[in-house]
């Protein structure tokens, strides 16, 4: 499903999709470069492949709209790290939302992508 949705993305990257079976992970998260993680908890809420496509489309759009990149730059700056120190980053820093406008943009474009 991820590859099918990503094939239509405006930003052509090698998107890679990962599943975390933890039922407590009730979300999906995208990282710079196209790494997309989907938690087992969010899948429990989905009733169809169309809904999964919308979730994946939204995360792909966070990458395409540079929300992930901008967050990475901010976190590196806040922690006084260079790109070479990226392995020291905690994934939890990428879990909070991107603010109303960015979330709305990812929702809007992600639904278009899923369609």
C-alpha atoms as a PDB file:
ATOM      1  CA  UNK A   1       0.000   0.000   0.000  1.00  0.00           C
ATOM      2  CA  UNK A   2       2.777   2.425   0.904  1.00  0.00           C
ATOM      3  CA  UNK A   3       4.584   1.939  -2.386  1.00  0.00           C
ATOM      4  CA  UNK A   4       1.348   2.467  -4.312  1.00  0.00           C
ATOM      5  CA  UNK A   5       0.607   5.764  -2.560  1.00  0.00           C
ATOM      6  CA  UNK A   6       4.231   6.934  -2.724  1.00  0.00           C
ATOM      7  CA  UNK A   7       4.341   6.320  -6.489  1.00  0.00           C
ATOM      8  CA  UNK A   8       2.125   9.395  -6.864  1.00  0.00           C
ATOM      9  CA  UNK A   9       3.995  11.629  -4.419  1.00  0.00           C
ATOM     10  CA  UNK A  10       5.133  15.021  -5.638  1.00  0.00           C
ATOM     11  CA  UNK A  11       8.529  14.471  -4.062  1.00  0.00           C
ATOM     12  CA  UNK A  12      10.189  11.420  -5.531  1.00  0.00           C
ATOM     13  CA  UNK A  13      12.129   9.641  -2.816  1.00  0.00           C
ATOM     14  CA  UNK A  14      12.748   6.049  -1.925  1.00  0.00           C
ATOM     15  CA  UNK A  15      10.012   5.971   0.717  1.00  0.00           C
ATOM     16  CA  UNK A  16      10.393   3.067   3.106  1.00  0.00           C
ATOM     17  CA  UNK A  17       7.569   1.858   5.301  1.00  0.00           C
ATOM     18  CA  UNK A  18       7.986   0.201   8.670  1.00  0.00           C
ATOM     19  CA  UNK A  19       5.435  -1.439  10.944  1.00  0.00           C
ATOM     20  CA  UNK A  20       5.740  -1.356  14.714  1.00  0.00           C
ATOM     21  CA  UNK A  21       3.322  -3.947  16.169  1.00  0.00           C
ATOM     22  CA  UNK A  22       3.138  -2.158  19.541  1.00  0.00           C
ATOM     23  CA  UNK A  23      -0.571  -1.585  20.185  1.00  0.00           C
ATOM     24  CA  UNK A  24       0.385   1.444  22.273  1.00  0.00           C
ATOM     25  CA  UNK A  25       1.843   3.155  19.198  1.00  0.00           C
ATOM     26  CA  UNK A  26      -1.412   4.716  17.997  1.00  0.00           C
ATOM     27  CA  UNK A  27       0.067   6.914  15.332  1.00  0.00           C
ATOM     28  CA  UNK A  28       2.241   7.120  12.267  1.00  0.00           C
ATOM     29  CA  UNK A  29       5.377   9.195  11.960  1.00  0.00           C
ATOM     30  CA  UNK A  30       7.579  10.287   9.087  1.00  0.00           C
ATOM     31  CA  UNK A  31      11.266  11.034   9.272  1.00  0.00           C
ATOM     32  CA  UNK A  32      13.380  13.056   6.869  1.00  0.00           C
ATOM     33  CA  UNK A  33      14.375  11.128   3.783  1.00  0.00           C
ATOM     34  CA  UNK A  34      11.130   9.178   3.549  1.00  0.00           C
ATOM     35  CA  UNK A  35      11.194   6.736   6.456  1.00  0.00           C
ATOM     36  CA  UNK A  36       7.556   6.167   7.489  1.00  0.00           C
ATOM     37  CA  UNK A  37       6.585   4.263  10.644  1.00  0.00           C
ATOM     38  CA  UNK A  38       3.081   2.990  11.338  1.00  0.00           C
ATOM     39  CA  UNK A  39       2.088   1.722  14.751  1.00  0.00           C
ATOM     40  CA  UNK A  40      -0.048  -1.302  15.473  1.00  0.00           C
ATOM     41  CA  UNK A  41      -2.319   0.860  17.592  1.00  0.00           C
ATOM     42  CA  UNK A  42      -3.433   3.048  14.710  1.00  0.00           C
ATOM     43  CA  UNK A  43      -4.130   0.053  12.503  1.00  0.00           C
ATOM     44  CA  UNK A  44      -6.697  -1.104  15.063  1.00  0.00           C
ATOM     45  CA  UNK A  45      -8.720   2.039  14.260  1.00  0.00           C
ATOM     46  CA  UNK A  46      -8.684   1.541  10.492  1.00  0.00           C
ATOM     47  CA  UNK A  47     -11.473  -0.246   8.654  1.00  0.00           C
ATOM     48  CA  UNK A  48     -10.180  -0.184   5.092  1.00  0.00           C
ATOM     49  CA  UNK A  49      -7.190   0.120   2.818  1.00  0.00           C
ATOM     50  CA  UNK A  50      -8.509   3.554   1.832  1.00  0.00           C
ATOM     51  CA  UNK A  51      -8.080   4.730   5.415  1.00  0.00           C
ATOM     52  CA  UNK A  52      -4.560   3.306   5.509  1.00  0.00           C
ATOM     53  CA  UNK A  53      -3.808   5.110   2.226  1.00  0.00           C
ATOM     54  CA  UNK A  54      -4.930   8.382   3.831  1.00  0.00           C
ATOM     55  CA  UNK A  55      -2.666   7.820   6.856  1.00  0.00           C
ATOM     56  CA  UNK A  56       0.310   6.995   4.613  1.00  0.00           C
ATOM     57  CA  UNK A  57      -0.459   9.887   2.273  1.00  0.00           C
ATOM     58  CA  UNK A  58      -0.458  12.283   5.196  1.00  0.00           C
ATOM     59  CA  UNK A  59       2.948  11.085   6.387  1.00  0.00           C
ATOM     60  CA  UNK A  60       4.381  11.189   2.866  1.00  0.00           C
ATOM     61  CA  UNK A  61       3.187  14.786   2.615  1.00  0.00           C
ATOM     62  CA  UNK A  62       4.904  15.692   5.883  1.00  0.00           C
ATOM     63  CA  UNK A  63       8.123  14.633   4.135  1.00  0.00           C
ATOM     64  CA  UNK A  64       7.247  16.308   0.821  1.00  0.00           C
ATOM     65  CA  UNK A  65       6.302  19.580   2.522  1.00  0.00           C
ATOM     66  CA  UNK A  66       9.613  19.545   4.429  1.00  0.00           C
ATOM     67  CA  UNK A  67       7.973  19.420   7.840  1.00  0.00           C
ATOM     68  CA  UNK A  68      10.282  16.563   8.853  1.00  0.00           C
ATOM     69  CA  UNK A  69      13.378  18.308   7.539  1.00  0.00           C
ATOM     70  CA  UNK A  70      12.486  21.529   9.311  1.00  0.00           C
ATOM     71  CA  UNK A  71      11.929  19.628  12.577  1.00  0.00           C
ATOM     72  CA  UNK A  72      15.303  17.886  12.188  1.00  0.00           C
ATOM     73  CA  UNK A  73      17.076  21.192  11.621  1.00  0.00           C
ATOM     74  CA  UNK A  74      15.374  22.681  14.682  1.00  0.00           C
ATOM     75  CA  UNK A  75      16.197  19.704  16.918  1.00  0.00           C
ATOM     76  CA  UNK A  76      19.836  19.630  15.774  1.00  0.00           C
ATOM     77  CA  UNK A  77      20.109  23.355  16.422  1.00  0.00           C
ATOM     78  CA  UNK A  78      18.412  23.172  19.830  1.00  0.00           C
ATOM     79  CA  UNK A  79      20.734  20.360  20.927  1.00  0.00           C
ATOM     80  CA  UNK A  80      23.829  21.931  19.346  1.00  0.00           C
ATOM     81  CA  UNK A  81      24.405  18.870  17.172  1.00  0.00           C
ATOM     82  CA  UNK A  82      25.647  18.522  13.617  1.00  0.00           C
ATOM     83  CA  UNK A  83      24.196  16.258  10.939  1.00  0.00           C
ATOM     84  CA  UNK A  84      26.979  13.791  11.802  1.00  0.00           C
ATOM     85  CA  UNK A  85      25.400  13.448  15.260  1.00  0.00           C
ATOM     86  CA  UNK A  86      21.979  12.404  13.928  1.00  0.00           C
ATOM     87  CA  UNK A  87      22.375   8.939  15.450  1.00  0.00           C
ATOM     88  CA  UNK A  88      22.165  10.592  18.883  1.00  0.00           C
ATOM     89  CA  UNK A  89      18.651  11.884  18.264  1.00  0.00           C
ATOM     90  CA  UNK A  90      15.673  10.459  20.118  1.00  0.00           C
ATOM     91  CA  UNK A  91      12.771   9.516  17.818  1.00  0.00           C
ATOM     92  CA  UNK A  92      10.389  10.860  20.471  1.00  0.00           C
ATOM     93  CA  UNK A  93      11.422  14.359  19.406  1.00  0.00           C
ATOM     94  CA  UNK A  94       9.684  13.709  16.078  1.00  0.00           C
ATOM     95  CA  UNK A  95       6.379  12.547  17.564  1.00  0.00           C
ATOM     96  CA  UNK A  96       4.736  15.879  18.467  1.00  0.00           C
ATOM     97  CA  UNK A  97       2.655  17.571  15.801  1.00  0.00           C
ATOM     98  CA  UNK A  98       3.888  20.190  13.391  1.00  0.00           C
ATOM     99  CA  UNK A  99       1.367  22.880  14.323  1.00  0.00           C
ATOM    100  CA  UNK A 100      -2.132  23.523  13.005  1.00  0.00           C
ATOM    101  CA  UNK A 101      -1.215  24.940   9.588  1.00  0.00           C
ATOM    102  CA  UNK A 102       1.312  22.216   8.764  1.00  0.00           C
ATOM    103  CA  UNK A 103      -0.959  19.432  10.019  1.00  0.00           C
ATOM    104  CA  UNK A 104      -3.836  20.802   7.955  1.00  0.00           C
ATOM    105  CA  UNK A 105      -1.613  21.038   4.852  1.00  0.00           C
ATOM    106  CA  UNK A 106      -0.440  17.426   5.296  1.00  0.00           C
ATOM    107  CA  UNK A 107      -4.037  16.277   5.813  1.00  0.00           C
ATOM    108  CA  UNK A 108      -5.262  18.127   2.706  1.00  0.00           C
ATOM    109  CA  UNK A 109      -2.448  16.990   0.419  1.00  0.00           C
ATOM    110  CA  UNK A 110      -2.354  13.501   1.938  1.00  0.00           C
ATOM    111  CA  UNK A 111      -6.026  12.897   1.105  1.00  0.00           C
ATOM    112  CA  UNK A 112      -5.407  14.061  -2.466  1.00  0.00           C
ATOM    113  CA  UNK A 113      -2.442  11.711  -2.681  1.00  0.00           C
ATOM    114  CA  UNK A 114      -4.454   8.802  -1.280  1.00  0.00           C
ATOM    115  CA  UNK A 115      -7.193   9.378  -3.852  1.00  0.00           C
END
